[in-house]
């Protein structure tokens, strides 16, 4: 089922949680709402579910306006961060709950409920825990049971609010892979909220990047990561090095140094933000070269086949910290030492006009 939100606005007191947001969620796709805490992603999810009412705008389900309909009428399955399982019920009874609460006229028989519950528990690979109580399960198991319970009522839409947020890193990674496989099997139109960029990029078909109640960018994970359209997108998605500078002939002036860049679309003398990923910076030890930004090696970390070098800025970039990722072979070739003066030359540089400061707001959801 397709979902569309049109011109959604939501305000809590003086805080604008969502400011005229319009989005399309394609049928059968898994979409991630990604952004920092307070950007409005959970509020948007709750408005789509019918748990929150927008101040203005519409929610369209399969082209029909569902803005004034209840959660039950929208046929939405919702999975919360903290499981929300009934502690006094067994795993089986938790999954069966939604089916048993259906109106008598459409309620399945107990035999049909039992068959469906066991099929769902088998789907989430936990049928062997049917008689256990939530307190006897691990966090990852509880979240899979919560998902089975949401799927039991055959929702038209599946909504997940930071479903793995309460789990440790190893379990999160395992469940991310599991959720992707499950979605590929079921193809239920799904939206999940996360502030974990790796989670969004690894699991989703489509990523919606949000900030301060606005949509910054929408696209496939690789597109959003490799081609961020705003400074926020660059800084939020993955490790990045940031240079504050000013446009000059042939490049960007950073303190006393210059980074070469072709910027026909930027105004000479204007202030800009320049970005380079850690693997897009070259460490230059040749003292005769003057290109790039001066820096000092502060720390060298070498694990596996790659190494990370942390550096402090100099010559007007002091107070700035940089990070370079390179192969171990290249690290050995450079023969770096802590405290060594070097230069950083980008192989690729993305430059944006410096954005205007947004007024400070109270934190939202």
Protein backbone atom coordinates (compact mmCIF):
# COMPACT_ATOMS: atom_id res chain seq x y z
CA UNK A 1 0.00 0.00 0.00
CA UNK A 2 1.32 3.44 -0.91
CA UNK A 3 1.57 6.23 1.67
CA UNK A 4 1.71 9.94 0.98
CA UNK A 5 1.90 12.82 3.43
CA UNK A 6 1.07 16.29 2.14
CA UNK A 7 2.08 19.58 3.78
CA UNK A 8 2.20 18.12 7.29
CA UNK A 9 2.74 20.67 10.02
CA UNK A 10 2.89 19.93 13.74
CA UNK A 11 3.72 22.29 16.56
CA UNK A 12 4.17 21.61 20.29
CA UNK A 13 3.88 24.95 22.06
CA UNK A 14 6.50 27.18 20.45
CA UNK A 15 8.39 24.25 18.95
CA UNK A 16 7.73 23.42 15.29
CA UNK A 17 8.25 19.66 15.05
CA UNK A 18 7.24 19.36 11.39
CA UNK A 19 7.20 22.27 8.98
CA UNK A 20 5.20 21.62 5.79
CA UNK A 21 6.54 18.11 5.13
CA UNK A 22 5.45 16.25 1.97
CA UNK A 23 6.70 12.73 1.19
CA UNK A 24 5.85 9.60 -0.79
CA UNK A 25 6.42 6.09 0.55
CA UNK A 26 6.22 3.60 -2.34
CA UNK A 27 4.23 0.38 -2.08
CA UNK A 28 6.22 -2.55 -0.71
CA UNK A 29 9.36 -0.56 0.08
CA UNK A 30 11.22 -0.18 3.37
CA UNK A 31 11.87 3.50 4.08
CA UNK A 32 14.11 4.89 6.82
CA UNK A 33 13.34 8.23 8.49
CA UNK A 34 16.86 9.24 9.48
CA UNK A 35 18.01 12.22 11.51
CA UNK A 36 19.22 13.48 14.90
CA UNK A 37 17.07 13.53 18.02
CA UNK A 38 14.42 16.24 17.82
CA UNK A 39 14.28 16.42 14.00
CA UNK A 40 10.61 15.34 13.81
CA UNK A 41 10.93 11.78 12.52
CA UNK A 42 9.03 10.07 15.38
CA UNK A 43 6.31 12.74 15.26
CA UNK A 44 5.85 12.07 11.55
CA UNK A 45 5.67 8.30 12.15
CA UNK A 46 3.03 8.77 14.86
CA UNK A 47 0.97 11.03 12.58
CA UNK A 48 1.05 8.38 9.84
CA UNK A 49 -0.05 5.78 12.42
CA UNK A 50 -2.89 7.97 13.72
CA UNK A 51 -1.36 8.19 17.21
CA UNK A 52 -0.79 11.94 16.73
CA UNK A 53 -2.86 14.51 14.83
CA UNK A 54 -1.25 17.01 12.48
CA UNK A 55 -2.12 20.70 12.87
CA UNK A 56 -2.51 20.82 9.09
CA UNK A 57 -1.90 18.63 6.08
CA UNK A 58 -3.11 15.18 4.99
CA UNK A 59 -2.14 11.51 5.26
CA UNK A 60 -3.12 9.50 2.19
CA UNK A 61 -3.21 5.70 2.29
CA UNK A 62 -3.50 4.16 -1.17
CA UNK A 63 -4.68 7.56 -2.43
CA UNK A 64 -7.47 7.94 0.14
CA UNK A 65 -7.42 10.64 2.81
CA UNK A 66 -6.97 8.86 6.16
CA UNK A 67 -6.24 11.97 8.23
CA UNK A 68 -9.39 11.68 10.34
CA UNK A 69 -9.47 7.89 10.66
CA UNK A 70 -8.47 5.92 13.78
CA UNK A 71 -5.42 3.70 14.22
CA UNK A 72 -7.61 0.61 13.89
CA UNK A 73 -9.16 1.85 10.65
CA UNK A 74 -5.75 2.55 9.15
CA UNK A 75 -4.71 -1.08 9.75
CA UNK A 76 -1.25 -0.13 10.90
CA UNK A 77 1.20 -2.41 12.68
CA UNK A 78 3.40 -0.47 15.13
CA UNK A 79 6.64 -1.70 16.75
CA UNK A 80 8.04 0.41 19.58
CA UNK A 81 11.64 0.75 20.75
CA UNK A 82 10.94 -0.81 24.15
CA UNK A 83 8.98 -3.84 22.90
CA UNK A 84 5.69 -3.01 24.75
CA UNK A 85 4.97 -6.71 25.30
CA UNK A 86 2.42 -7.78 27.92
CA UNK A 87 4.55 -9.12 30.77
CA UNK A 88 1.85 -11.38 32.19
CA UNK A 89 1.23 -13.13 28.85
CA UNK A 90 3.24 -15.85 27.19
CA UNK A 91 4.93 -15.28 23.84
CA UNK A 92 2.07 -17.15 22.15
CA UNK A 93 -0.61 -15.02 23.85
CA UNK A 94 1.24 -11.79 23.05
CA UNK A 95 1.26 -12.61 19.35
CA UNK A 96 -2.36 -13.80 19.45
CA UNK A 97 -3.61 -10.70 21.29
CA UNK A 98 -4.52 -8.59 18.26
CA UNK A 99 -6.38 -11.47 16.62
CA UNK A 100 -8.40 -12.19 19.77
CA UNK A 101 -9.36 -8.51 20.05
CA UNK A 102 -10.99 -8.41 16.63
CA UNK A 103 -14.81 -7.94 16.57
CA UNK A 104 -16.60 -11.25 17.02
CA UNK A 105 -17.94 -11.12 13.46
CA UNK A 106 -14.44 -11.22 11.95
CA UNK A 107 -12.51 -12.91 14.74
CA UNK A 108 -10.77 -16.15 13.63
CA UNK A 109 -11.39 -19.39 15.49
CA UNK A 110 -8.93 -20.41 18.20
CA UNK A 111 -7.64 -23.13 15.90
CA UNK A 112 -7.01 -20.58 13.14
CA UNK A 113 -5.36 -18.21 15.62
CA UNK A 114 -3.07 -20.99 16.88
CA UNK A 115 -2.08 -21.92 13.34
CA UNK A 116 -1.32 -18.31 12.42
CA UNK A 117 0.62 -17.58 15.63
CA UNK A 118 2.85 -20.63 15.15
CA UNK A 119 3.41 -19.66 11.52
CA UNK A 120 4.50 -16.16 12.56
CA UNK A 121 6.71 -17.45 15.36
CA UNK A 122 8.32 -19.77 12.85
CA UNK A 123 8.80 -16.79 10.51
CA UNK A 124 10.70 -14.88 13.20
CA UNK A 125 12.53 -18.11 14.13
CA UNK A 126 11.20 -18.24 17.70
CA UNK A 127 8.45 -20.89 17.66
CA UNK A 128 10.37 -22.83 20.29
CA UNK A 129 9.75 -19.97 22.78
CA UNK A 130 5.94 -19.95 22.48
CA UNK A 131 5.35 -20.85 26.15
CA UNK A 132 7.93 -18.44 27.61
CA UNK A 133 7.19 -15.06 29.19
CA UNK A 134 8.86 -11.81 28.03
CA UNK A 135 11.06 -11.69 31.14
CA UNK A 136 12.63 -14.98 30.01
CA UNK A 137 13.70 -13.58 26.63
CA UNK A 138 16.71 -11.57 25.46
CA UNK A 139 16.21 -8.07 24.09
CA UNK A 140 16.61 -9.24 20.52
CA UNK A 141 14.08 -12.03 21.03
CA UNK A 142 11.56 -9.63 22.58
CA UNK A 143 11.82 -7.29 19.63
CA UNK A 144 11.22 -10.14 17.17
CA UNK A 145 8.14 -11.16 19.17
CA UNK A 146 6.92 -7.55 19.09
CA UNK A 147 7.30 -7.62 15.31
CA UNK A 148 5.42 -10.94 15.04
CA UNK A 149 2.58 -9.44 17.13
CA UNK A 150 2.41 -6.42 14.79
CA UNK A 151 2.28 -8.70 11.74
CA UNK A 152 -0.42 -10.98 13.21
CA UNK A 153 -3.27 -8.62 12.29
CA UNK A 154 -2.01 -8.42 8.69
CA UNK A 155 -1.35 -4.66 8.69
CA UNK A 156 -1.41 -2.73 5.45
CA UNK A 157 1.52 -0.67 6.79
CA UNK A 158 4.29 -1.58 9.24
CA UNK A 159 5.77 1.27 11.31
CA UNK A 160 8.83 0.81 13.52
CA UNK A 161 10.04 3.47 15.98
CA UNK A 162 13.78 2.91 16.58
CA UNK A 163 13.09 -0.83 16.83
CA UNK A 164 16.67 -1.75 17.74
CA UNK A 165 17.54 1.31 19.83
CA UNK A 166 17.53 -0.54 23.16
CA UNK A 167 19.84 -3.33 21.99
CA UNK A 168 23.62 -3.65 22.06
CA UNK A 169 25.66 -3.14 18.89
CA UNK A 170 26.18 -6.81 18.03
CA UNK A 171 22.49 -7.71 18.39
CA UNK A 172 21.48 -4.59 16.45
CA UNK A 173 23.64 -5.67 13.52
CA UNK A 174 22.18 -9.19 13.52
CA UNK A 175 18.60 -7.90 13.66
CA UNK A 176 19.22 -5.40 10.87
CA UNK A 177 20.15 -8.23 8.52
CA UNK A 178 17.20 -10.28 9.77
CA UNK A 179 14.72 -7.41 9.23
CA UNK A 180 15.96 -6.88 5.68
CA UNK A 181 15.50 -10.58 4.86
CA UNK A 182 12.05 -10.59 6.47
CA UNK A 183 10.96 -7.55 4.49
CA UNK A 184 12.16 -9.10 1.23
CA UNK A 185 9.92 -12.06 2.02
CA UNK A 186 6.79 -10.13 3.08
CA UNK A 187 6.98 -6.89 1.05
CA UNK A 188 4.81 -4.95 3.52
CA UNK A 189 5.11 -1.18 3.02
CA UNK A 190 7.29 -0.27 5.99
CA UNK A 191 8.72 2.88 7.59
CA UNK A 192 11.25 2.82 10.39
CA UNK A 193 12.71 5.65 12.45
CA UNK A 194 16.39 5.67 13.33
CA UNK A 195 19.21 8.07 14.18
CA UNK A 196 21.75 5.37 13.26
CA UNK A 197 23.08 6.20 9.78
CA UNK A 198 24.64 2.76 9.29
CA UNK A 199 21.31 1.12 10.14
CA UNK A 200 19.42 3.27 7.62
CA UNK A 201 21.96 2.80 4.82
CA UNK A 202 22.21 -0.96 5.36
CA UNK A 203 18.50 -1.81 5.68
CA UNK A 204 16.39 0.69 3.72
CA UNK A 205 15.29 0.89 0.09
CA UNK A 206 14.77 4.63 0.52
CA UNK A 207 16.27 7.07 3.04
CA UNK A 208 14.52 10.27 4.13
CA UNK A 209 17.06 12.54 5.84
CA UNK A 210 15.41 14.99 8.25
CA UNK A 211 16.62 17.97 10.27
CA UNK A 212 14.75 20.61 12.30
CA UNK A 213 11.34 19.47 11.05
CA UNK A 214 12.36 19.67 7.39
CA UNK A 215 13.28 17.05 4.78
CA UNK A 216 16.90 17.55 3.74
CA UNK A 217 17.09 14.82 1.11
CA UNK A 218 15.28 11.73 -0.17
CA UNK A 219 16.92 8.95 -2.16
CA UNK A 220 18.39 5.48 -2.32
CA UNK A 221 20.99 4.81 0.42
CA UNK A 222 23.99 4.97 -1.94
CA UNK A 223 22.74 8.19 -3.57
CA UNK A 224 22.16 9.92 -0.23
CA UNK A 225 25.58 8.85 1.09
CA UNK A 226 27.66 9.52 -2.03
CA UNK A 227 25.86 12.66 -3.19
CA UNK A 228 24.57 14.63 -0.17
CA UNK A 229 22.70 17.70 -1.37
CA UNK A 230 23.23 19.87 1.74
CA UNK A 231 26.00 20.58 4.27
CA UNK A 232 23.92 18.84 6.95
CA UNK A 233 23.70 15.71 4.81
CA UNK A 234 27.45 15.61 4.37
CA UNK A 235 28.18 16.12 8.04
CA UNK A 236 25.54 13.66 9.29
CA UNK A 237 26.15 10.74 6.93
CA UNK A 238 29.47 9.08 7.66
CA UNK A 239 32.79 10.41 8.91
CA UNK A 240 33.79 13.67 7.25
CA UNK A 241 36.41 16.41 7.43
CA UNK A 242 35.08 19.97 7.48
CA UNK A 243 37.00 23.04 6.29
CA UNK A 244 35.70 26.56 6.90
CA UNK A 245 36.93 28.82 4.13
CA UNK A 246 36.40 31.58 1.61
CA UNK A 247 36.21 31.35 -2.19
CA UNK A 248 39.30 32.65 -3.97
CA UNK A 249 40.78 32.33 -7.45
CA UNK A 250 41.41 28.63 -8.14
CA UNK A 251 40.33 27.28 -4.78
CA UNK A 252 39.14 27.73 -1.21
CA UNK A 253 41.21 29.76 1.24
CA UNK A 254 41.40 28.04 4.66
CA UNK A 255 43.34 30.25 7.08
CA UNK A 256 46.77 30.74 5.51
CA UNK A 257 46.36 27.74 3.21
CA UNK A 258 44.46 26.98 0.04
CA UNK A 259 42.56 23.94 -1.23
CA UNK A 260 42.30 23.68 -5.04
CA UNK A 261 38.73 23.55 -6.31
CA UNK A 262 36.79 24.46 -9.44
CA UNK A 263 33.81 26.52 -8.25
CA UNK A 264 32.28 28.43 -11.15
CA UNK A 265 28.92 28.52 -9.37
CA UNK A 266 30.24 30.19 -6.19
CA UNK A 267 30.69 33.92 -5.58
CA UNK A 268 34.30 35.07 -5.20
CA UNK A 269 34.98 36.05 -1.59
CA UNK A 270 31.92 34.25 -0.19
CA UNK A 271 32.18 32.06 2.89
CA UNK A 272 31.86 28.32 2.26
CA UNK A 273 31.96 24.93 3.94
CA UNK A 274 34.17 22.33 2.24
CA UNK A 275 33.91 18.60 2.95
CA UNK A 276 36.16 15.60 2.30
CA UNK A 277 35.68 12.02 3.51
CA UNK A 278 38.62 10.47 5.43
CA UNK A 279 39.57 8.34 2.41
CA UNK A 280 39.51 11.43 0.17
CA UNK A 281 42.42 13.14 1.95
CA UNK A 282 46.05 12.48 1.11
CA UNK A 283 48.79 13.01 3.71
CA UNK A 284 51.70 14.89 2.11
CA UNK A 285 55.08 14.64 3.85
CA UNK A 286 57.04 16.40 1.11
CA UNK A 287 58.03 19.71 2.71
CA UNK A 288 58.50 21.39 -0.67
CA UNK A 289 54.80 21.20 -1.51
CA UNK A 290 52.60 24.16 -0.56
CA UNK A 291 49.19 22.89 -1.62
CA UNK A 292 46.68 21.62 0.90
CA UNK A 293 46.16 22.44 4.57
CA UNK A 294 48.91 22.31 7.19
CA UNK A 295 48.33 19.84 10.04
CA UNK A 296 50.11 17.90 12.73
CA UNK A 297 49.79 14.15 13.31
CA UNK A 298 48.24 13.58 16.74
CA UNK A 299 47.39 9.87 16.74
CA UNK A 300 47.88 6.80 14.56
CA UNK A 301 45.48 3.85 14.81
CA UNK A 302 46.16 0.72 12.77
CA UNK A 303 43.75 -2.23 12.81
CA UNK A 304 43.40 -4.89 10.13
CA UNK A 305 44.00 -3.83 6.53
CA UNK A 306 43.21 -0.13 7.08
CA UNK A 307 44.62 2.58 9.31
CA UNK A 308 43.28 5.85 10.67
CA UNK A 309 45.39 8.92 11.26
CA UNK A 310 44.05 11.75 13.42
CA UNK A 311 45.50 15.22 12.93
CA UNK A 312 45.24 18.74 14.38
CA UNK A 313 44.96 21.75 12.09
CA UNK A 314 47.53 24.58 11.89
CA UNK A 315 48.00 27.91 10.05
CA UNK A 316 44.51 29.26 10.64
CA UNK A 317 42.88 25.85 10.93
CA UNK A 318 44.01 25.44 14.53
CA UNK A 319 41.31 24.04 16.78
CA UNK A 320 40.17 21.85 13.87
CA UNK A 321 40.62 18.11 13.92
CA UNK A 322 40.95 15.94 10.84
CA UNK A 323 40.87 12.23 10.11
CA UNK A 324 42.48 10.32 7.25
CA UNK A 325 41.81 6.70 6.30
CA UNK A 326 44.45 4.80 4.35
CA UNK A 327 45.82 1.31 3.79
CA UNK A 328 48.40 -0.16 6.13
CA UNK A 329 50.85 -0.38 3.23
CA UNK A 330 50.47 3.35 2.57
CA UNK A 331 50.91 4.07 6.30
CA UNK A 332 54.16 2.10 6.35
CA UNK A 333 55.32 3.92 3.22
CA UNK A 334 54.66 7.34 4.80
CA UNK A 335 56.46 6.33 8.03
CA UNK A 336 54.47 8.85 10.10
CA UNK A 337 55.13 9.73 13.72
CA UNK A 338 53.06 11.63 16.28
CA UNK A 339 53.85 15.35 16.28
CA UNK A 340 54.99 15.32 12.63
CA UNK A 341 54.06 18.32 10.48
CA UNK A 342 52.34 17.36 7.22
CA UNK A 343 49.88 18.74 4.70
CA UNK A 344 46.41 17.43 3.79
CA UNK A 345 45.48 17.48 0.10
CA UNK A 346 41.97 16.35 -0.89
CA UNK A 347 41.47 14.08 -3.90
CA UNK A 348 37.82 15.20 -3.87
CA UNK A 349 36.27 18.25 -2.26
CA UNK A 350 32.58 19.14 -1.98
CA UNK A 351 31.92 22.82 -1.37
CA UNK A 352 28.67 24.47 -0.22
CA UNK A 353 27.83 28.13 0.46
CA UNK A 354 27.82 28.66 4.21
CA UNK A 355 24.16 28.31 5.30
CA UNK A 356 22.41 30.88 7.41
CA UNK A 357 22.03 29.98 11.07
CA UNK A 358 18.59 28.62 12.00
CA UNK A 359 17.03 30.18 15.11
CA UNK A 360 17.39 28.02 18.21
CA UNK A 361 14.33 25.90 19.10
CA UNK A 362 13.32 23.87 22.09
CA UNK A 363 13.88 20.17 21.64
CA UNK A 364 11.07 18.11 20.10
CA UNK A 365 10.53 14.51 19.11
